[in-house]
Amino acid sequence: MLRGKTAVITGGSRGIGKAIATKYAENGANLAIVATRESEEALKTIEELKQYGTDVRLYACNIREAEAVEAIKEKILADFTKIDVLVNNAGVTKDNLLPSLSVMDIDDVIDINLKGTMFMTRAFIRNFVKNRNGNVINISSVVGLMGNKGQTNYAASKAGIVGFTKSVAKEYGRKNIRCNAIAPGYIETDMTDKLSEEAKKEISSNIPLCRLGKTEDVANLALFLASDSSGYITGEIIKVDGGMYV
C-alpha cells in the first residue's frame, strides 16, 4: 500500500506514533523516525521496525526549536532525497486546572504540540511543493474539539492543530499537497495506563462503544490517509473516539 513511499513520523518510537510507524513499515514504507533523543527505547523501536525490510532511521531533534527542525530536515532529505508523508504525532500533556498551570506548563504543551507541528510542516512543505506531491497527517485530539476540564493548555494546542490543518489544506491543495488530522479519543497508551481502573470504567461508560481505543485503531486510519486510496480527501479532522464526541 505504501511501497516506495517514505514517511517522517515525529514521536514515532512509542504509543500511537510507534503503532503508525509499524503499520507503515508493514505496508512497505521507508521511515524517518524523529524522537527527542536517541534513547534506549527509541533505538529498540528502530530495530523492531527494521524487521519489515524497509529503510528505517532515527533522528534526534527538539521539534520546539525551529532551527533544530530545519537542520534535521536537511539530514533526512540527504538520506532519503524525497519525502512523501509527514506525520506530526509528537505531543505532551501537562494537566492541571487553569490557575494552577505554570508558565512552563503552558509553554511546553503549546511549543511541542502546536508549534512543533507547525515547524515540521513548514520545514518539509517546500520539498512537497518542489515535487508537486505531499501528504501531511497531524494528530490532534477530540479534546481539541470538545474541550476538557484540567486540560486547557492541551485543548488549546490540539484545537490550534485543527485550524492549522484546514489552513494548510487550503494553501497547498493546488500544489497536490493534502493535509488532514486525526482526532483520537481515549486510546490505550502509557498516558492512559496511569489512570485507575475505576477511572477507565468511568470513561468507558461515556463512550458509545464502551471501551478505550487501541493504538492500532488510529494507525489504521493513518495508513488510509497516507495511501493513494484517500487521494481526494484533504482538510478533514477525523475522529477515532468510539463515538465519545458526536
C-alpha atoms as a PDB file:
ATOM      1  CA  MET A   1       0.000   0.000   0.000  1.00  0.00           C
ATOM      2  CA  LEU A   2       2.927   2.340   0.735  1.00  0.00           C
ATOM      3  CA  ARG A   3       5.643   0.541  -1.224  1.00  0.00           C
ATOM      4  CA  GLY A   4       8.233   3.050  -2.440  1.00  0.00           C
ATOM      5  CA  LYS A   5       6.980   5.858  -0.180  1.00  0.00           C
ATOM      6  CA  THR A   6       8.976   7.493   2.613  1.00  0.00           C
ATOM      7  CA  ALA A   7       7.340   8.873   5.746  1.00  0.00           C
ATOM      8  CA  VAL A   8       8.634  11.140   8.500  1.00  0.00           C
ATOM      9  CA  ILE A   9       6.978  10.453  11.859  1.00  0.00           C
ATOM     10  CA  THR A  10       7.566  12.580  14.949  1.00  0.00           C
ATOM     11  CA  GLY A  11       7.211  10.822  18.270  1.00  0.00           C
ATOM     12  CA  GLY A  12       7.370   7.558  16.358  1.00  0.00           C
ATOM     13  CA  SER A  13       9.188   5.500  18.966  1.00  0.00           C
ATOM     14  CA  ARG A  14       6.275   4.876  21.331  1.00  0.00           C
ATOM     15  CA  GLY A  15       2.494   4.869  21.729  1.00  0.00           C
ATOM     16  CA  ILE A  16       0.381   5.982  18.791  1.00  0.00           C
ATOM     17  CA  GLY A  17       3.449   7.081  16.830  1.00  0.00           C
ATOM     18  CA  LYS A  18       5.024   3.627  17.106  1.00  0.00           C
ATOM     19  CA  ALA A  19       1.773   1.977  16.032  1.00  0.00           C
ATOM     20  CA  ILE A  20       1.641   4.214  12.950  1.00  0.00           C
ATOM     21  CA  ALA A  21       5.297   3.533  12.166  1.00  0.00           C
ATOM     22  CA  THR A  22       4.719  -0.218  12.472  1.00  0.00           C
ATOM     23  CA  LYS A  23       1.666  -0.088  10.207  1.00  0.00           C
ATOM     24  CA  TYR A  24       3.607   1.914   7.617  1.00  0.00           C
ATOM     25  CA  ALA A  25       6.623  -0.426   7.715  1.00  0.00           C
ATOM     26  CA  GLU A  26       4.329  -3.451   7.362  1.00  0.00           C
ATOM     27  CA  ASN A  27       2.996  -1.842   4.212  1.00  0.00           C
ATOM     28  CA  GLY A  28       6.376  -1.137   2.642  1.00  0.00           C
ATOM     29  CA  ALA A  29       7.195   2.439   3.661  1.00  0.00           C
ATOM     30  CA  ASN A  30      10.679   3.711   4.450  1.00  0.00           C
ATOM     31  CA  LEU A  31      10.709   5.631   7.720  1.00  0.00           C
ATOM     32  CA  ALA A  32      12.463   8.610   9.280  1.00  0.00           C
ATOM     33  CA  ILE A  33      11.565   8.449  12.964  1.00  0.00           C
ATOM     34  CA  VAL A  34      12.058  11.715  14.850  1.00  0.00           C
ATOM     35  CA  ALA A  35      12.473  11.484  18.625  1.00  0.00           C
ATOM     36  CA  THR A  36      13.659  13.940  21.236  1.00  0.00           C
ATOM     37  CA  ARG A  37      16.785  11.864  21.826  1.00  0.00           C
ATOM     38  CA  GLU A  38      18.382   8.559  20.897  1.00  0.00           C
ATOM     39  CA  SER A  39      17.067   6.776  23.957  1.00  0.00           C
ATOM     40  CA  GLU A  40      17.316   3.047  24.509  1.00  0.00           C
ATOM     41  CA  GLU A  41      13.568   2.791  23.885  1.00  0.00           C
ATOM     42  CA  ALA A  42      13.835   4.661  20.579  1.00  0.00           C
ATOM     43  CA  LEU A  43      16.762   2.555  19.374  1.00  0.00           C
ATOM     44  CA  LYS A  44      14.864  -0.621  20.289  1.00  0.00           C
ATOM     45  CA  THR A  45      11.875   0.572  18.262  1.00  0.00           C
ATOM     46  CA  ILE A  46      14.084   1.182  15.226  1.00  0.00           C
ATOM     47  CA  GLU A  47      15.431  -2.371  15.395  1.00  0.00           C
ATOM     48  CA  GLU A  48      11.884  -3.725  15.669  1.00  0.00           C
ATOM     49  CA  LEU A  49      10.780  -1.741  12.631  1.00  0.00           C
ATOM     50  CA  LYS A  50      13.718  -2.867  10.522  1.00  0.00           C
ATOM     51  CA  GLN A  51      12.424  -6.439  10.575  1.00  0.00           C
ATOM     52  CA  TYR A  52       9.900  -5.449   7.907  1.00  0.00           C
ATOM     53  CA  GLY A  53      12.722  -4.941   5.426  1.00  0.00           C
ATOM     54  CA  THR A  54      12.431  -1.234   4.739  1.00  0.00           C
ATOM     55  CA  ASP A  55      14.891   1.590   5.391  1.00  0.00           C
ATOM     56  CA  VAL A  56      14.254   2.876   8.931  1.00  0.00           C
ATOM     57  CA  ARG A  57      16.378   5.583  10.550  1.00  0.00           C
ATOM     58  CA  LEU A  58      16.274   7.514  13.815  1.00  0.00           C
ATOM     59  CA  TYR A  59      16.810  11.274  14.107  1.00  0.00           C
ATOM     60  CA  ALA A  60      17.108  13.161  17.389  1.00  0.00           C
ATOM     61  CA  CYS A  61      15.506  16.604  17.373  1.00  0.00           C
ATOM     62  CA  ASN A  62      13.776  19.008  19.728  1.00  0.00           C
ATOM     63  CA  ILE A  63      10.880  19.983  17.472  1.00  0.00           C
ATOM     64  CA  ARG A  64      10.030  23.025  19.572  1.00  0.00           C
ATOM     65  CA  GLU A  65      13.156  24.697  18.155  1.00  0.00           C
ATOM     66  CA  ALA A  66      12.735  25.944  14.580  1.00  0.00           C
ATOM     67  CA  GLU A  67      16.454  25.881  13.782  1.00  0.00           C
ATOM     68  CA  ALA A  68      16.794  22.314  15.032  1.00  0.00           C
ATOM     69  CA  VAL A  69      13.872  21.260  12.835  1.00  0.00           C
ATOM     70  CA  GLU A  70      15.433  22.863   9.761  1.00  0.00           C
ATOM     71  CA  ALA A  71      18.720  21.081  10.475  1.00  0.00           C
ATOM     72  CA  ILE A  72      17.100  17.678  10.888  1.00  0.00           C
ATOM     73  CA  LYS A  73      15.091  18.210   7.699  1.00  0.00           C
ATOM     74  CA  GLU A  74      18.340  18.624   5.782  1.00  0.00           C
ATOM     75  CA  LYS A  75      19.707  15.382   7.252  1.00  0.00           C
ATOM     76  CA  ILE A  76      16.543  13.473   6.406  1.00  0.00           C
ATOM     77  CA  LEU A  77      16.435  14.780   2.831  1.00  0.00           C
ATOM     78  CA  ALA A  78      20.115  13.942   2.381  1.00  0.00           C
ATOM     79  CA  ASP A  79      19.385  10.354   3.429  1.00  0.00           C
ATOM     80  CA  PHE A  80      16.082   9.820   1.627  1.00  0.00           C
ATOM     81  CA  THR A  81      16.048  12.562  -1.078  1.00  0.00           C
ATOM     82  CA  LYS A  82      12.235  12.568  -1.327  1.00  0.00           C
ATOM     83  CA  ILE A  83       9.633  12.564   1.434  1.00  0.00           C
ATOM     84  CA  ASP A  84       6.041  11.581   0.645  1.00  0.00           C
ATOM     85  CA  VAL A  85       4.301  11.688   4.019  1.00  0.00           C
ATOM     86  CA  LEU A  86       4.790  13.742   7.187  1.00  0.00           C
ATOM     87  CA  VAL A  87       3.052  12.553  10.352  1.00  0.00           C
ATOM     88  CA  ASN A  88       3.074  15.155  13.141  1.00  0.00           C
ATOM     89  CA  ASN A  89       2.412  12.935  16.124  1.00  0.00           C
ATOM     90  CA  ALA A  90       4.749  14.140  18.901  1.00  0.00           C
ATOM     91  CA  GLY A  91       2.935  15.625  21.868  1.00  0.00           C
ATOM     92  CA  VAL A  92       2.897  16.073  25.629  1.00  0.00           C
ATOM     93  CA  THR A  93       0.395  16.782  28.382  1.00  0.00           C
ATOM     94  CA  LYS A  94       0.818  18.945  31.472  1.00  0.00           C
ATOM     95  CA  ASP A  95      -2.652  18.737  33.018  1.00  0.00           C
ATOM     96  CA  ASN A  96      -3.999  20.973  35.769  1.00  0.00           C
ATOM     97  CA  LEU A  97      -6.735  23.488  36.421  1.00  0.00           C
ATOM     98  CA  LEU A  98      -6.029  26.786  34.678  1.00  0.00           C
ATOM     99  CA  PRO A  99      -4.960  28.834  37.753  1.00  0.00           C
ATOM    100  CA  SER A 100      -2.539  26.056  38.719  1.00  0.00           C
ATOM    101  CA  LEU A 101      -0.828  25.847  35.334  1.00  0.00           C
ATOM    102  CA  SER A 102       2.653  27.330  35.394  1.00  0.00           C
ATOM    103  CA  VAL A 103       4.022  29.339  32.504  1.00  0.00           C
ATOM    104  CA  MET A 104       6.246  26.342  31.729  1.00  0.00           C
ATOM    105  CA  ASP A 105       3.225  24.012  31.695  1.00  0.00           C
ATOM    106  CA  ILE A 106       1.601  26.225  29.090  1.00  0.00           C
ATOM    107  CA  ASP A 107       4.743  26.852  27.042  1.00  0.00           C
ATOM    108  CA  ASP A 108       5.825  23.190  26.909  1.00  0.00           C
ATOM    109  CA  VAL A 109       2.466  21.959  25.646  1.00  0.00           C
ATOM    110  CA  ILE A 110       1.965  24.739  23.092  1.00  0.00           C
ATOM    111  CA  ASP A 111       5.587  24.621  21.930  1.00  0.00           C
ATOM    112  CA  ILE A 112       5.716  20.863  21.351  1.00  0.00           C
ATOM    113  CA  ASN A 113       2.158  20.050  20.299  1.00  0.00           C
ATOM    114  CA  LEU A 114       1.308  23.068  18.173  1.00  0.00           C
ATOM    115  CA  LYS A 115       4.498  24.912  17.279  1.00  0.00           C
ATOM    116  CA  GLY A 116       6.353  21.644  16.723  1.00  0.00           C
ATOM    117  CA  THR A 117       3.675  20.610  14.235  1.00  0.00           C
ATOM    118  CA  MET A 118       3.948  23.970  12.502  1.00  0.00           C
ATOM    119  CA  PHE A 119       7.755  23.928  12.388  1.00  0.00           C
ATOM    120  CA  MET A 120       7.897  20.398  10.959  1.00  0.00           C
ATOM    121  CA  THR A 121       5.291  21.151   8.308  1.00  0.00           C
ATOM    122  CA  ARG A 122       6.945  24.421   7.358  1.00  0.00           C
ATOM    123  CA  ALA A 123      10.285  22.631   7.016  1.00  0.00           C
ATOM    124  CA  PHE A 124       9.050  19.975   4.585  1.00  0.00           C
ATOM    125  CA  ILE A 125       6.425  21.934   2.661  1.00  0.00           C
ATOM    126  CA  ARG A 126       8.970  23.351   0.181  1.00  0.00           C
ATOM    127  CA  ASN A 127      10.083  19.822  -0.684  1.00  0.00           C
ATOM    128  CA  PHE A 128       6.453  18.856  -1.233  1.00  0.00           C
ATOM    129  CA  VAL A 129       5.895  21.903  -3.451  1.00  0.00           C
ATOM    130  CA  LYS A 130       9.021  21.099  -5.458  1.00  0.00           C
ATOM    131  CA  ASN A 131       7.765  17.568  -6.069  1.00  0.00           C
ATOM    132  CA  ARG A 132       4.161  18.742  -6.551  1.00  0.00           C
ATOM    133  CA  ASN A 133       3.168  15.990  -4.181  1.00  0.00           C
ATOM    134  CA  GLY A 134       2.935  15.694  -0.411  1.00  0.00           C
ATOM    135  CA  ASN A 135       0.802  14.432   2.416  1.00  0.00           C
ATOM    136  CA  VAL A 136       0.639  15.874   5.942  1.00  0.00           C
ATOM    137  CA  ILE A 137      -1.161  13.971   8.695  1.00  0.00           C
ATOM    138  CA  ASN A 138      -1.496  15.779  12.016  1.00  0.00           C
ATOM    139  CA  ILE A 139      -2.505  14.132  15.275  1.00  0.00           C
ATOM    140  CA  SER A 140      -4.991  16.360  17.066  1.00  0.00           C
ATOM    141  CA  SER A 141      -7.456  15.147  19.736  1.00  0.00           C
ATOM    142  CA  VAL A 142     -11.174  15.146  20.459  1.00  0.00           C
ATOM    143  CA  VAL A 143     -10.198  17.370  23.393  1.00  0.00           C
ATOM    144  CA  GLY A 144      -9.302  19.996  20.798  1.00  0.00           C
ATOM    145  CA  LEU A 145     -12.879  19.778  19.504  1.00  0.00           C
ATOM    146  CA  MET A 146     -14.889  19.426  22.707  1.00  0.00           C
ATOM    147  CA  GLY A 147     -12.598  20.782  25.441  1.00  0.00           C
ATOM    148  CA  ASN A 148     -11.893  19.068  28.759  1.00  0.00           C
ATOM    149  CA  LYS A 149     -11.539  20.304  32.311  1.00  0.00           C
ATOM    150  CA  GLY A 150      -7.979  20.275  33.579  1.00  0.00           C
ATOM    151  CA  GLN A 151      -6.591  20.390  30.043  1.00  0.00           C
ATOM    152  CA  THR A 152      -6.930  23.982  28.877  1.00  0.00           C
ATOM    153  CA  ASN A 153      -3.352  24.076  27.593  1.00  0.00           C
ATOM    154  CA  TYR A 154      -3.637  20.704  25.834  1.00  0.00           C
ATOM    155  CA  ALA A 155      -7.056  21.516  24.364  1.00  0.00           C
ATOM    156  CA  ALA A 156      -5.774  24.848  23.052  1.00  0.00           C
ATOM    157  CA  SER A 157      -2.782  23.177  21.391  1.00  0.00           C
ATOM    158  CA  LYS A 158      -4.914  20.496  19.754  1.00  0.00           C
ATOM    159  CA  ALA A 159      -7.570  22.997  18.662  1.00  0.00           C
ATOM    160  CA  GLY A 160      -4.757  25.002  17.090  1.00  0.00           C
ATOM    161  CA  ILE A 161      -3.791  21.945  15.062  1.00  0.00           C
ATOM    162  CA  VAL A 162      -7.348  21.792  13.710  1.00  0.00           C
ATOM    163  CA  GLY A 163      -7.152  25.346  12.366  1.00  0.00           C
ATOM    164  CA  PHE A 164      -3.623  24.799  11.108  1.00  0.00           C
ATOM    165  CA  THR A 165      -4.637  21.636   9.243  1.00  0.00           C
ATOM    166  CA  LYS A 166      -7.503  23.330   7.429  1.00  0.00           C
ATOM    167  CA  SER A 167      -5.333  26.319   6.518  1.00  0.00           C
ATOM    168  CA  VAL A 168      -2.510  24.189   5.086  1.00  0.00           C
ATOM    169  CA  ALA A 169      -5.063  22.212   3.070  1.00  0.00           C
ATOM    170  CA  LYS A 170      -6.386  25.445   1.548  1.00  0.00           C
ATOM    171  CA  GLU A 171      -2.941  26.941   0.913  1.00  0.00           C
ATOM    172  CA  TYR A 172      -1.406  23.934  -0.823  1.00  0.00           C
ATOM    173  CA  GLY A 173      -4.209  21.886  -2.366  1.00  0.00           C
ATOM    174  CA  ARG A 174      -3.467  23.333  -5.811  1.00  0.00           C
ATOM    175  CA  LYS A 175       0.094  22.020  -5.435  1.00  0.00           C
ATOM    176  CA  ASN A 176      -1.252  18.469  -4.977  1.00  0.00           C
ATOM    177  CA  ILE A 177      -0.468  18.549  -1.255  1.00  0.00           C
ATOM    178  CA  ARG A 178      -3.003  17.129   1.162  1.00  0.00           C
ATOM    179  CA  CYS A 179      -3.316  17.867   4.870  1.00  0.00           C
ATOM    180  CA  ASN A 180      -5.638  16.056   7.268  1.00  0.00           C
ATOM    181  CA  ALA A 181      -5.815  15.491  11.006  1.00  0.00           C
ATOM    182  CA  ILE A 182      -6.783  12.568  13.198  1.00  0.00           C
ATOM    183  CA  ALA A 183      -8.537  13.339  16.474  1.00  0.00           C
ATOM    184  CA  PRO A 184      -8.184  10.337  18.801  1.00  0.00           C
ATOM    185  CA  GLY A 185     -10.313   9.898  21.893  1.00  0.00           C
ATOM    186  CA  TYR A 186      -9.138   7.826  24.839  1.00  0.00           C
ATOM    187  CA  ILE A 187      -6.568   5.385  23.458  1.00  0.00           C
ATOM    188  CA  GLU A 188      -4.719   2.733  25.466  1.00  0.00           C
ATOM    189  CA  THR A 189      -1.195   4.159  25.795  1.00  0.00           C
ATOM    190  CA  ASP A 190       1.342   4.883  28.544  1.00  0.00           C
ATOM    191  CA  MET A 191      -0.684   8.012  29.224  1.00  0.00           C
ATOM    192  CA  THR A 192      -3.936   6.157  29.941  1.00  0.00           C
ATOM    193  CA  ASP A 193      -2.115   3.371  31.790  1.00  0.00           C
ATOM    194  CA  LYS A 194      -1.653   5.870  34.605  1.00  0.00           C
ATOM    195  CA  LEU A 195      -5.419   6.011  35.113  1.00  0.00           C
ATOM    196  CA  SER A 196      -7.023   3.855  37.797  1.00  0.00           C
ATOM    197  CA  GLU A 197      -9.331   1.017  36.765  1.00  0.00           C
ATOM    198  CA  GLU A 198     -12.205   2.987  38.272  1.00  0.00           C
ATOM    199  CA  ALA A 199     -11.343   5.988  36.114  1.00  0.00           C
ATOM    200  CA  LYS A 200     -11.145   3.809  32.998  1.00  0.00           C
ATOM    201  CA  LYS A 201     -14.582   2.351  33.749  1.00  0.00           C
ATOM    202  CA  GLU A 202     -15.988   5.855  34.205  1.00  0.00           C
ATOM    203  CA  ILE A 203     -14.529   6.969  30.875  1.00  0.00           C
ATOM    204  CA  SER A 204     -15.735   3.831  29.083  1.00  0.00           C
ATOM    205  CA  SER A 205     -19.269   4.354  30.377  1.00  0.00           C
ATOM    206  CA  ASN A 206     -19.409   7.643  28.446  1.00  0.00           C
ATOM    207  CA  ILE A 207     -18.216   6.083  25.173  1.00  0.00           C
ATOM    208  CA  PRO A 208     -20.917   4.502  22.956  1.00  0.00           C
ATOM    209  CA  LEU A 209     -18.592   1.592  22.079  1.00  0.00           C
ATOM    210  CA  CYS A 210     -17.998   1.139  25.840  1.00  0.00           C
ATOM    211  CA  ARG A 211     -14.224   0.779  25.674  1.00  0.00           C
ATOM    212  CA  LEU A 212     -10.976   2.646  25.202  1.00  0.00           C
ATOM    213  CA  GLY A 213      -9.452   2.541  21.747  1.00  0.00           C
ATOM    214  CA  LYS A 214      -6.249   0.812  20.737  1.00  0.00           C
ATOM    215  CA  THR A 215      -3.265   2.442  19.067  1.00  0.00           C
ATOM    216  CA  GLU A 216      -3.909   0.264  16.019  1.00  0.00           C
ATOM    217  CA  ASP A 217      -7.303   1.951  15.593  1.00  0.00           C
ATOM    218  CA  VAL A 218      -5.500   5.232  14.981  1.00  0.00           C
ATOM    219  CA  ALA A 219      -2.762   3.579  12.909  1.00  0.00           C
ATOM    220  CA  ASN A 220      -5.313   2.028  10.536  1.00  0.00           C
ATOM    221  CA  LEU A 221      -6.728   5.460   9.731  1.00  0.00           C
ATOM    222  CA  ALA A 222      -3.228   6.933   9.394  1.00  0.00           C
ATOM    223  CA  LEU A 223      -2.429   4.201   6.857  1.00  0.00           C
ATOM    224  CA  PHE A 224      -5.524   5.039   4.818  1.00  0.00           C
ATOM    225  CA  LEU A 225      -4.726   8.764   4.862  1.00  0.00           C
ATOM    226  CA  ALA A 226      -1.137   8.088   3.779  1.00  0.00           C
ATOM    227  CA  SER A 227      -2.240   5.897   0.883  1.00  0.00           C
ATOM    228  CA  ASP A 228      -3.481   6.810  -2.575  1.00  0.00           C
ATOM    229  CA  SER A 229      -6.902   5.458  -1.550  1.00  0.00           C
ATOM    230  CA  SER A 230      -7.546   8.769   0.245  1.00  0.00           C
ATOM    231  CA  GLY A 231      -6.328  10.896  -2.659  1.00  0.00           C
ATOM    232  CA  TYR A 232      -9.415  13.124  -2.746  1.00  0.00           C
ATOM    233  CA  ILE A 233      -9.528  13.823   0.996  1.00  0.00           C
ATOM    234  CA  THR A 234      -7.961  16.969   2.442  1.00  0.00           C
ATOM    235  CA  GLY A 235      -8.719  19.465   5.193  1.00  0.00           C
ATOM    236  CA  GLU A 236     -10.578  16.861   7.251  1.00  0.00           C
ATOM    237  CA  ILE A 237     -10.477  16.251  11.003  1.00  0.00           C
ATOM    238  CA  ILE A 238     -11.416  12.613  11.509  1.00  0.00           C
ATOM    239  CA  LYS A 239     -12.287  11.350  14.983  1.00  0.00           C
ATOM    240  CA  VAL A 240     -11.236   7.949  16.301  1.00  0.00           C
ATOM    241  CA  ASP A 241     -13.053   8.013  19.600  1.00  0.00           C
ATOM    242  CA  GLY A 242     -15.630   5.213  19.741  1.00  0.00           C
ATOM    243  CA  GLY A 243     -18.380   7.809  19.404  1.00  0.00           C
ATOM    244  CA  MET A 244     -17.393   9.750  22.532  1.00  0.00           C
ATOM    245  CA  TYR A 245     -17.944  13.094  20.816  1.00  0.00           C
ATOM    246  CA  VAL A 246     -20.825  13.002  18.381  1.00  0.00           C
END
